[in-house]
Amino acid sequence: MTPLLTPLVSGAAVAFWICAPLMVIGALGMVLARKAVYSALFLALVMVCLAIQYAAQDAPFLFVVQIIVYTGAIMMLFLFVVMLVGVDAEESFVEVIKGQRVASVLAVLGLVILLVAGLSRTFVTAPVGLEAANASAGGHVEGIAALIFGRYVLAFEACAALLITAAVGAMVLAHGERITPRKDQTSRAAERMAAYAATGAHPGPRPNSGVFARHNSIDTPALLPDGTVAKESLSDVLVMRGPSADPNELGVANAAVHKEIAASTEGEDD
């Protein structure tokens, strides 16, 4: 009888050694990133890798919950809050509450000690009562459902109410009261005509990009009939980042074309 061969490397081990470094990199990137959007994306990377770990450990319920609830709903809530606060918003480093940093450091140390103590017990001692609980409930999913909707149903409903209250409170706090009345189309047109009469500002819309240019693209500035660049056609964001098309190159090319047309027109007139 041929003995059964035990594989030296299992699928769960391969998933761990691939996802674990990515999770560490994502966690460090979340803490060290200067922008909140990048921190949220790094956190999403950690959550996706954690879901893969659950799938590799034969925990389909936790895998689905990790993807749908945390990576989907919670991360979208984080991104919505970041967009409401503002991507370019800078936080003040002035310590308002005295002793806040010291208390934060102590709280982090206490959390690290609890995590190390909890994880060390899993390596030193074997889990007690897990197989009996799964056997009586019929499996992982059935056991979790029996606890959530049976023994801990009140705590589950209280957490759900707390999360909904927190979401509503975040929207209420992010909503700003309107001090001035909303401007309608008539008032905006009156302001434009008043600005035109006072400073000579053009009352019409800004020129579209790509007009009288070689490329009909949003990053290509519009050109005036004399070949110069219409600065009003450039987006403020593209001006800060730098347009991909060279306005000087486009202007020189169109100026040369205009000179040729003018020279040919003068020759026909003569």
C-alpha atoms as a PDB file:
ATOM      1  CA  MET A   1       0.000   0.000   0.000  1.00  0.00           C
ATOM      2  CA  THR A   2       1.484   3.329  -1.088  1.00  0.00           C
ATOM      3  CA  PRO A   3       1.704   5.827   1.798  1.00  0.00           C
ATOM      4  CA  LEU A   4       0.067   9.210   1.342  1.00  0.00           C
ATOM      5  CA  LEU A   5       2.505  11.980   0.583  1.00  0.00           C
ATOM      6  CA  THR A   6       2.097  15.228   2.525  1.00  0.00           C
ATOM      7  CA  PRO A   7       2.816  18.303   0.362  1.00  0.00           C
ATOM      8  CA  LEU A   8       5.747  20.335   1.615  1.00  0.00           C
ATOM      9  CA  VAL A   9       4.116  23.637   0.611  1.00  0.00           C
ATOM     10  CA  SER A  10       0.365  24.161   0.824  1.00  0.00           C
ATOM     11  CA  GLY A  11      -1.781  26.708  -0.961  1.00  0.00           C
ATOM     12  CA  ALA A  12      -2.411  28.587   2.273  1.00  0.00           C
ATOM     13  CA  ALA A  13       1.343  28.933   2.829  1.00  0.00           C
ATOM     14  CA  VAL A  14       1.868  30.270  -0.696  1.00  0.00           C
ATOM     15  CA  ALA A  15      -0.952  32.788  -0.232  1.00  0.00           C
ATOM     16  CA  PHE A  16       0.527  33.867   3.100  1.00  0.00           C
ATOM     17  CA  TRP A  17       4.050  34.454   1.779  1.00  0.00           C
ATOM     18  CA  ILE A  18       2.676  36.420  -1.177  1.00  0.00           C
ATOM     19  CA  CYS A  19       0.070  38.503   0.659  1.00  0.00           C
ATOM     20  CA  ALA A  20       1.916  39.059   3.949  1.00  0.00           C
ATOM     21  CA  PRO A  21       4.661  41.314   2.446  1.00  0.00           C
ATOM     22  CA  LEU A  22       2.002  43.226   0.492  1.00  0.00           C
ATOM     23  CA  MET A  23      -0.010  43.742   3.676  1.00  0.00           C
ATOM     24  CA  VAL A  24       3.054  45.054   5.521  1.00  0.00           C
ATOM     25  CA  ILE A  25       3.882  47.405   2.635  1.00  0.00           C
ATOM     26  CA  GLY A  26       0.263  48.585   2.502  1.00  0.00           C
ATOM     27  CA  ALA A  27       0.176  49.192   6.263  1.00  0.00           C
ATOM     28  CA  LEU A  28       3.405  51.203   6.153  1.00  0.00           C
ATOM     29  CA  GLY A  29       2.150  53.152   3.141  1.00  0.00           C
ATOM     30  CA  MET A  30      -1.124  53.935   4.909  1.00  0.00           C
ATOM     31  CA  VAL A  31       0.751  55.406   7.874  1.00  0.00           C
ATOM     32  CA  LEU A  32       3.489  57.191   5.926  1.00  0.00           C
ATOM     33  CA  ALA A  33       1.435  58.549   3.007  1.00  0.00           C
ATOM     34  CA  ARG A  34       1.095  62.330   3.009  1.00  0.00           C
ATOM     35  CA  LYS A  35      -2.313  62.384   1.293  1.00  0.00           C
ATOM     36  CA  ALA A  36      -5.461  60.864   2.761  1.00  0.00           C
ATOM     37  CA  VAL A  37      -6.515  59.355  -0.583  1.00  0.00           C
ATOM     38  CA  TYR A  38      -3.268  57.397  -0.843  1.00  0.00           C
ATOM     39  CA  SER A  39      -3.702  56.174   2.738  1.00  0.00           C
ATOM     40  CA  ALA A  40      -7.205  54.932   1.883  1.00  0.00           C
ATOM     41  CA  LEU A  41      -5.905  53.081  -1.189  1.00  0.00           C
ATOM     42  CA  PHE A  42      -3.135  51.435   0.837  1.00  0.00           C
ATOM     43  CA  LEU A  43      -5.740  50.387   3.414  1.00  0.00           C
ATOM     44  CA  ALA A  44      -7.826  48.855   0.612  1.00  0.00           C
ATOM     45  CA  LEU A  45      -4.762  46.836  -0.436  1.00  0.00           C
ATOM     46  CA  VAL A  46      -4.418  45.496   3.106  1.00  0.00           C
ATOM     47  CA  MET A  47      -8.119  44.554   3.231  1.00  0.00           C
ATOM     48  CA  VAL A  48      -8.009  42.726  -0.107  1.00  0.00           C
ATOM     49  CA  CYS A  49      -4.928  40.747   0.948  1.00  0.00           C
ATOM     50  CA  LEU A  50      -6.648  39.901   4.232  1.00  0.00           C
ATOM     51  CA  ALA A  51      -9.662  38.593   2.304  1.00  0.00           C
ATOM     52  CA  ILE A  52      -7.342  36.373   0.277  1.00  0.00           C
ATOM     53  CA  GLN A  53      -5.927  35.017   3.543  1.00  0.00           C
ATOM     54  CA  TYR A  54      -9.444  34.156   4.724  1.00  0.00           C
ATOM     55  CA  ALA A  55     -10.141  32.322   1.468  1.00  0.00           C
ATOM     56  CA  ALA A  56      -6.885  30.378   1.767  1.00  0.00           C
ATOM     57  CA  GLN A  57      -7.823  29.318   5.310  1.00  0.00           C
ATOM     58  CA  ASP A  58     -11.174  27.872   4.154  1.00  0.00           C
ATOM     59  CA  ALA A  59     -13.277  30.674   5.674  1.00  0.00           C
ATOM     60  CA  PRO A  60     -15.648  31.632   2.831  1.00  0.00           C
ATOM     61  CA  PHE A  61     -17.988  33.671   5.030  1.00  0.00           C
ATOM     62  CA  LEU A  62     -15.208  35.923   6.333  1.00  0.00           C
ATOM     63  CA  PHE A  63     -13.814  36.193   2.797  1.00  0.00           C
ATOM     64  CA  VAL A  64     -17.114  37.469   1.391  1.00  0.00           C
ATOM     65  CA  VAL A  65     -17.753  39.789   4.353  1.00  0.00           C
ATOM     66  CA  GLN A  66     -14.246  41.234   4.086  1.00  0.00           C
ATOM     67  CA  ILE A  67     -14.748  42.048   0.393  1.00  0.00           C
ATOM     68  CA  ILE A  68     -18.347  43.298   0.498  1.00  0.00           C
ATOM     69  CA  VAL A  69     -18.528  45.028   3.886  1.00  0.00           C
ATOM     70  CA  TYR A  70     -15.051  46.312   4.650  1.00  0.00           C
ATOM     71  CA  THR A  71     -13.324  46.672   1.281  1.00  0.00           C
ATOM     72  CA  GLY A  72     -16.538  47.794  -0.424  1.00  0.00           C
ATOM     73  CA  ALA A  73     -18.784  49.690   1.980  1.00  0.00           C
ATOM     74  CA  ILE A  74     -16.356  50.909   4.655  1.00  0.00           C
ATOM     75  CA  MET A  75     -13.675  51.982   2.175  1.00  0.00           C
ATOM     76  CA  MET A  76     -16.241  53.849   0.086  1.00  0.00           C
ATOM     77  CA  LEU A  77     -17.366  55.625   3.267  1.00  0.00           C
ATOM     78  CA  PHE A  78     -13.748  56.593   3.960  1.00  0.00           C
ATOM     79  CA  LEU A  79     -13.345  57.969   0.437  1.00  0.00           C
ATOM     80  CA  PHE A  80     -16.616  59.917   0.658  1.00  0.00           C
ATOM     81  CA  VAL A  81     -15.475  61.520   3.920  1.00  0.00           C
ATOM     82  CA  VAL A  82     -12.085  62.358   2.390  1.00  0.00           C
ATOM     83  CA  MET A  83     -13.768  63.986  -0.597  1.00  0.00           C
ATOM     84  CA  LEU A  84     -16.112  65.958   1.673  1.00  0.00           C
ATOM     85  CA  VAL A  85     -13.247  67.193   3.831  1.00  0.00           C
ATOM     86  CA  GLY A  86     -11.083  67.983   0.820  1.00  0.00           C
ATOM     87  CA  VAL A  87      -8.108  66.245  -0.726  1.00  0.00           C
ATOM     88  CA  ASP A  88      -5.835  69.278  -0.354  1.00  0.00           C
ATOM     89  CA  ALA A  89      -6.876  69.989   3.262  1.00  0.00           C
ATOM     90  CA  GLU A  90      -3.886  70.219   5.599  1.00  0.00           C
ATOM     91  CA  GLU A  91      -4.127  69.346   9.264  1.00  0.00           C
ATOM     92  CA  SER A  92      -2.677  71.537  11.967  1.00  0.00           C
ATOM     93  CA  PHE A  93       0.208  70.059  13.954  1.00  0.00           C
ATOM     94  CA  VAL A  94      -0.456  72.286  16.943  1.00  0.00           C
ATOM     95  CA  GLU A  95      -1.349  70.149  19.963  1.00  0.00           C
ATOM     96  CA  VAL A  96      -4.680  71.453  21.237  1.00  0.00           C
ATOM     97  CA  ILE A  97      -5.197  68.927  24.052  1.00  0.00           C
ATOM     98  CA  LYS A  98      -2.282  68.734  26.472  1.00  0.00           C
ATOM     99  CA  GLY A  99      -0.790  65.276  26.797  1.00  0.00           C
ATOM    100  CA  GLN A 100      -2.580  63.963  23.709  1.00  0.00           C
ATOM    101  CA  ARG A 101       0.565  62.570  22.094  1.00  0.00           C
ATOM    102  CA  VAL A 102       1.716  60.845  25.270  1.00  0.00           C
ATOM    103  CA  ALA A 103      -1.710  59.261  25.749  1.00  0.00           C
ATOM    104  CA  SER A 104      -1.714  58.133  22.101  1.00  0.00           C
ATOM    105  CA  VAL A 105       1.698  56.503  22.453  1.00  0.00           C
ATOM    106  CA  LEU A 106       0.622  54.689  25.636  1.00  0.00           C
ATOM    107  CA  ALA A 107      -2.598  53.498  23.975  1.00  0.00           C
ATOM    108  CA  VAL A 108      -0.655  52.160  20.978  1.00  0.00           C
ATOM    109  CA  LEU A 109       1.785  50.334  23.254  1.00  0.00           C
ATOM    110  CA  GLY A 110      -1.103  48.779  25.175  1.00  0.00           C
ATOM    111  CA  LEU A 111      -2.742  47.649  21.936  1.00  0.00           C
ATOM    112  CA  VAL A 112       0.528  46.129  20.707  1.00  0.00           C
ATOM    113  CA  ILE A 113       0.927  44.230  23.976  1.00  0.00           C
ATOM    114  CA  LEU A 114      -2.621  42.863  23.718  1.00  0.00           C
ATOM    115  CA  LEU A 115      -2.095  41.774  20.111  1.00  0.00           C
ATOM    116  CA  VAL A 116       1.226  40.083  20.882  1.00  0.00           C
ATOM    117  CA  ALA A 117      -0.292  38.293  23.889  1.00  0.00           C
ATOM    118  CA  GLY A 118      -3.301  37.123  21.894  1.00  0.00           C
ATOM    119  CA  LEU A 119      -1.252  35.930  18.912  1.00  0.00           C
ATOM    120  CA  SER A 120       1.321  34.188  21.110  1.00  0.00           C
ATOM    121  CA  ARG A 121      -1.397  32.043  22.705  1.00  0.00           C
ATOM    122  CA  THR A 122      -2.357  30.691  19.289  1.00  0.00           C
ATOM    123  CA  PHE A 123       1.180  29.391  18.766  1.00  0.00           C
ATOM    124  CA  VAL A 124       1.761  28.080  22.300  1.00  0.00           C
ATOM    125  CA  THR A 125      -1.586  26.404  23.063  1.00  0.00           C
ATOM    126  CA  ALA A 126      -4.052  24.644  20.802  1.00  0.00           C
ATOM    127  CA  PRO A 127      -7.586  26.044  20.442  1.00  0.00           C
ATOM    128  CA  VAL A 128     -10.031  24.493  22.882  1.00  0.00           C
ATOM    129  CA  GLY A 129     -13.673  23.840  22.026  1.00  0.00           C
ATOM    130  CA  LEU A 130     -13.494  25.016  18.387  1.00  0.00           C
ATOM    131  CA  GLU A 131     -14.124  21.613  16.823  1.00  0.00           C
ATOM    132  CA  ALA A 132     -17.008  20.883  19.207  1.00  0.00           C
ATOM    133  CA  ALA A 133     -18.625  24.251  18.488  1.00  0.00           C
ATOM    134  CA  ASN A 134     -18.378  23.774  14.736  1.00  0.00           C
ATOM    135  CA  ALA A 135     -19.692  20.220  14.979  1.00  0.00           C
ATOM    136  CA  SER A 136     -22.726  21.262  17.022  1.00  0.00           C
ATOM    137  CA  ALA A 137     -23.567  24.208  14.784  1.00  0.00           C
ATOM    138  CA  GLY A 138     -22.908  22.437  11.500  1.00  0.00           C
ATOM    139  CA  GLY A 139     -19.980  24.569  10.262  1.00  0.00           C
ATOM    140  CA  HIS A 140     -18.301  27.973  10.469  1.00  0.00           C
ATOM    141  CA  VAL A 141     -21.063  29.921   8.733  1.00  0.00           C
ATOM    142  CA  GLU A 142     -23.867  28.286  10.692  1.00  0.00           C
ATOM    143  CA  GLY A 143     -22.010  28.811  13.989  1.00  0.00           C
ATOM    144  CA  ILE A 144     -21.405  32.521  13.325  1.00  0.00           C
ATOM    145  CA  ALA A 145     -25.036  32.998  12.248  1.00  0.00           C
ATOM    146  CA  ALA A 146     -26.307  31.268  15.395  1.00  0.00           C
ATOM    147  CA  LEU A 147     -24.207  33.528  17.614  1.00  0.00           C
ATOM    148  CA  ILE A 148     -24.988  36.782  15.777  1.00  0.00           C
ATOM    149  CA  PHE A 149     -28.736  36.275  15.365  1.00  0.00           C
ATOM    150  CA  GLY A 150     -29.216  34.304  18.590  1.00  0.00           C
ATOM    151  CA  ARG A 151     -27.046  34.942  21.608  1.00  0.00           C
ATOM    152  CA  TYR A 152     -25.597  38.314  20.568  1.00  0.00           C
ATOM    153  CA  VAL A 153     -28.520  39.703  18.562  1.00  0.00           C
ATOM    154  CA  LEU A 154     -28.939  42.748  20.842  1.00  0.00           C
ATOM    155  CA  ALA A 155     -25.251  43.637  20.606  1.00  0.00           C
ATOM    156  CA  PHE A 156     -25.399  43.176  16.831  1.00  0.00           C
ATOM    157  CA  GLU A 157     -28.392  45.511  16.501  1.00  0.00           C
ATOM    158  CA  ALA A 158     -26.744  48.060  18.816  1.00  0.00           C
ATOM    159  CA  CYS A 159     -23.597  48.085  16.644  1.00  0.00           C
ATOM    160  CA  ALA A 160     -25.710  48.513  13.503  1.00  0.00           C
ATOM    161  CA  ALA A 161     -27.575  51.458  15.071  1.00  0.00           C
ATOM    162  CA  LEU A 162     -24.267  52.978  16.183  1.00  0.00           C
ATOM    163  CA  LEU A 163     -22.797  52.743  12.674  1.00  0.00           C
ATOM    164  CA  ILE A 164     -25.890  54.318  11.109  1.00  0.00           C
ATOM    165  CA  THR A 165     -25.837  57.119  13.699  1.00  0.00           C
ATOM    166  CA  ALA A 166     -22.140  57.727  12.999  1.00  0.00           C
ATOM    167  CA  ALA A 167     -22.760  57.905   9.238  1.00  0.00           C
ATOM    168  CA  VAL A 168     -25.638  60.351   9.670  1.00  0.00           C
ATOM    169  CA  GLY A 169     -23.587  62.433  12.115  1.00  0.00           C
ATOM    170  CA  ALA A 170     -20.667  62.594   9.655  1.00  0.00           C
ATOM    171  CA  MET A 171     -22.968  63.855   6.902  1.00  0.00           C
ATOM    172  CA  VAL A 172     -24.542  66.431   9.226  1.00  0.00           C
ATOM    173  CA  LEU A 173     -21.146  67.702  10.384  1.00  0.00           C
ATOM    174  CA  ALA A 174     -19.783  67.832   6.833  1.00  0.00           C
ATOM    175  CA  HIS A 175     -22.809  69.738   5.556  1.00  0.00           C
ATOM    176  CA  GLY A 176     -22.226  73.485   5.619  1.00  0.00           C
ATOM    177  CA  GLU A 177     -24.964  76.011   6.075  1.00  0.00           C
ATOM    178  CA  ARG A 178     -25.559  78.309   3.107  1.00  0.00           C
ATOM    179  CA  ILE A 179     -25.031  81.920   4.187  1.00  0.00           C
ATOM    180  CA  THR A 180     -25.811  83.623   0.885  1.00  0.00           C
ATOM    181  CA  PRO A 181     -28.800  82.793  -1.338  1.00  0.00           C
ATOM    182  CA  ARG A 182     -28.276  80.457  -4.274  1.00  0.00           C
ATOM    183  CA  LYS A 183     -27.476  82.269  -7.513  1.00  0.00           C
ATOM    184  CA  ASP A 184     -29.764  81.584 -10.446  1.00  0.00           C
ATOM    185  CA  GLN A 185     -29.005  82.043 -14.130  1.00  0.00           C
ATOM    186  CA  THR A 186     -30.396  85.593 -14.210  1.00  0.00           C
ATOM    187  CA  SER A 187     -28.214  86.811 -11.350  1.00  0.00           C
ATOM    188  CA  ARG A 188     -25.107  85.172 -12.854  1.00  0.00           C
ATOM    189  CA  ALA A 189     -25.768  86.854 -16.207  1.00  0.00           C
ATOM    190  CA  ALA A 190     -26.230  90.209 -14.458  1.00  0.00           C
ATOM    191  CA  GLU A 191     -22.906  89.769 -12.637  1.00  0.00           C
ATOM    192  CA  ARG A 192     -21.127  88.936 -15.892  1.00  0.00           C
ATOM    193  CA  MET A 193     -22.506  92.003 -17.641  1.00  0.00           C
ATOM    194  CA  ALA A 194     -21.580  94.180 -14.655  1.00  0.00           C
ATOM    195  CA  ALA A 195     -18.019  92.817 -14.748  1.00  0.00           C
ATOM    196  CA  TYR A 196     -17.891  93.450 -18.505  1.00  0.00           C
ATOM    197  CA  ALA A 197     -18.974  97.062 -17.997  1.00  0.00           C
ATOM    198  CA  ALA A 198     -16.517  97.623 -15.124  1.00  0.00           C
ATOM    199  CA  THR A 199     -13.356  95.718 -16.139  1.00  0.00           C
ATOM    200  CA  GLY A 200     -14.031  94.555 -19.684  1.00  0.00           C
ATOM    201  CA  ALA A 201     -14.103  90.863 -18.767  1.00  0.00           C
ATOM    202  CA  HIS A 202     -15.652  88.745 -21.504  1.00  0.00           C
ATOM    203  CA  PRO A 203     -19.221  87.814 -20.486  1.00  0.00           C
ATOM    204  CA  GLY A 204     -19.322  84.616 -22.523  1.00  0.00           C
ATOM    205  CA  PRO A 205     -17.952  81.168 -21.658  1.00  0.00           C
ATOM    206  CA  ARG A 206     -14.297  80.312 -21.840  1.00  0.00           C
ATOM    207  CA  PRO A 207     -13.009  79.060 -25.225  1.00  0.00           C
ATOM    208  CA  ASN A 208     -12.876  75.316 -25.704  1.00  0.00           C
ATOM    209  CA  SER A 209      -9.562  73.518 -25.806  1.00  0.00           C
ATOM    210  CA  GLY A 210      -8.311  72.186 -29.098  1.00  0.00           C
ATOM    211  CA  VAL A 211      -9.842  75.003 -31.179  1.00  0.00           C
ATOM    212  CA  PHE A 212      -7.560  76.126 -34.030  1.00  0.00           C
ATOM    213  CA  ALA A 213      -4.979  73.621 -32.805  1.00  0.00           C
ATOM    214  CA  ARG A 214      -3.506  70.469 -34.293  1.00  0.00           C
ATOM    215  CA  HIS A 215      -4.950  68.174 -31.606  1.00  0.00           C
ATOM    216  CA  ASN A 216      -8.537  68.172 -30.366  1.00  0.00           C
ATOM    217  CA  SER A 217      -7.627  67.287 -26.791  1.00  0.00           C
ATOM    218  CA  ILE A 218      -8.427  68.737 -23.383  1.00  0.00           C
ATOM    219  CA  ASP A 219      -4.721  69.325 -22.703  1.00  0.00           C
ATOM    220  CA  THR A 220      -4.199  71.201 -25.986  1.00  0.00           C
ATOM    221  CA  PRO A 221      -4.786  74.950 -25.642  1.00  0.00           C
ATOM    222  CA  ALA A 222      -6.894  76.932 -28.057  1.00  0.00           C
ATOM    223  CA  LEU A 223      -5.060  79.228 -30.433  1.00  0.00           C
ATOM    224  CA  LEU A 224      -6.082  82.686 -31.512  1.00  0.00           C
ATOM    225  CA  PRO A 225      -6.134  83.626 -35.220  1.00  0.00           C
ATOM    226  CA  ASP A 226      -2.658  85.176 -34.914  1.00  0.00           C
ATOM    227  CA  GLY A 227      -1.207  81.902 -33.632  1.00  0.00           C
ATOM    228  CA  THR A 228      -0.862  82.866 -29.979  1.00  0.00           C
ATOM    229  CA  VAL A 229      -2.203  80.718 -27.172  1.00  0.00           C
ATOM    230  CA  ALA A 230      -5.561  81.598 -25.603  1.00  0.00           C
ATOM    231  CA  LYS A 231      -4.763  81.329 -21.903  1.00  0.00           C
ATOM    232  CA  GLU A 232      -8.472  81.268 -21.016  1.00  0.00           C
ATOM    233  CA  SER A 233      -8.805  77.838 -22.664  1.00  0.00           C
ATOM    234  CA  LEU A 234      -6.380  76.190 -20.248  1.00  0.00           C
ATOM    235  CA  SER A 235      -7.703  74.414 -17.184  1.00  0.00           C
ATOM    236  CA  ASP A 236      -6.291  75.586 -13.857  1.00  0.00           C
ATOM    237  CA  VAL A 237      -5.454  71.993 -12.913  1.00  0.00           C
ATOM    238  CA  LEU A 238      -3.583  71.411 -16.170  1.00  0.00           C
ATOM    239  CA  VAL A 239      -1.711  74.664 -15.734  1.00  0.00           C
ATOM    240  CA  MET A 240      -0.423  73.514 -12.337  1.00  0.00           C
ATOM    241  CA  ARG A 241       0.483  70.041 -13.630  1.00  0.00           C
ATOM    242  CA  GLY A 242       1.829  71.262 -16.948  1.00  0.00           C
ATOM    243  CA  PRO A 243       0.051  70.601 -20.286  1.00  0.00           C
ATOM    244  CA  SER A 244       1.294  67.701 -22.347  1.00  0.00           C
ATOM    245  CA  ALA A 245       1.185  69.754 -25.541  1.00  0.00           C
ATOM    246  CA  ASP A 246       3.702  72.565 -25.953  1.00  0.00           C
ATOM    247  CA  PRO A 247       1.820  75.837 -26.486  1.00  0.00           C
ATOM    248  CA  ASN A 248       4.887  77.543 -27.931  1.00  0.00           C
ATOM    249  CA  GLU A 249       5.325  74.798 -30.525  1.00  0.00           C
ATOM    250  CA  LEU A 250       1.679  75.023 -31.551  1.00  0.00           C
ATOM    251  CA  GLY A 251       1.830  78.804 -31.659  1.00  0.00           C
ATOM    252  CA  VAL A 252       4.945  78.858 -33.865  1.00  0.00           C
ATOM    253  CA  ALA A 253       3.454  76.323 -36.283  1.00  0.00           C
ATOM    254  CA  ASN A 254       0.212  78.257 -36.655  1.00  0.00           C
ATOM    255  CA  ALA A 255       2.043  81.565 -36.962  1.00  0.00           C
ATOM    256  CA  ALA A 256       4.073  80.119 -39.837  1.00  0.00           C
ATOM    257  CA  VAL A 257       0.890  78.939 -41.561  1.00  0.00           C
ATOM    258  CA  HIS A 258      -0.693  82.357 -41.139  1.00  0.00           C
ATOM    259  CA  LYS A 259       2.404  84.018 -42.635  1.00  0.00           C
ATOM    260  CA  GLU A 260       2.245  81.721 -45.669  1.00  0.00           C
ATOM    261  CA  ILE A 261      -1.447  82.484 -46.143  1.00  0.00           C
ATOM    262  CA  ALA A 262      -0.796  86.211 -45.796  1.00  0.00           C
ATOM    263  CA  ALA A 263       2.096  86.051 -48.273  1.00  0.00           C
ATOM    264  CA  SER A 264       0.026  84.146 -50.839  1.00  0.00           C
ATOM    265  CA  THR A 265      -2.851  86.573 -50.406  1.00  0.00           C
ATOM    266  CA  GLU A 266      -0.552  89.558 -50.986  1.00  0.00           C
ATOM    267  CA  GLY A 267       0.822  87.875 -54.120  1.00  0.00           C
ATOM    268  CA  GLU A 268      -2.683  87.392 -55.521  1.00  0.00           C
ATOM    269  CA  ASP A 269      -3.563  91.020 -54.753  1.00  0.00           C
ATOM    270  CA  ASP A 270      -0.470  92.238 -56.627  1.00  0.00           C
END
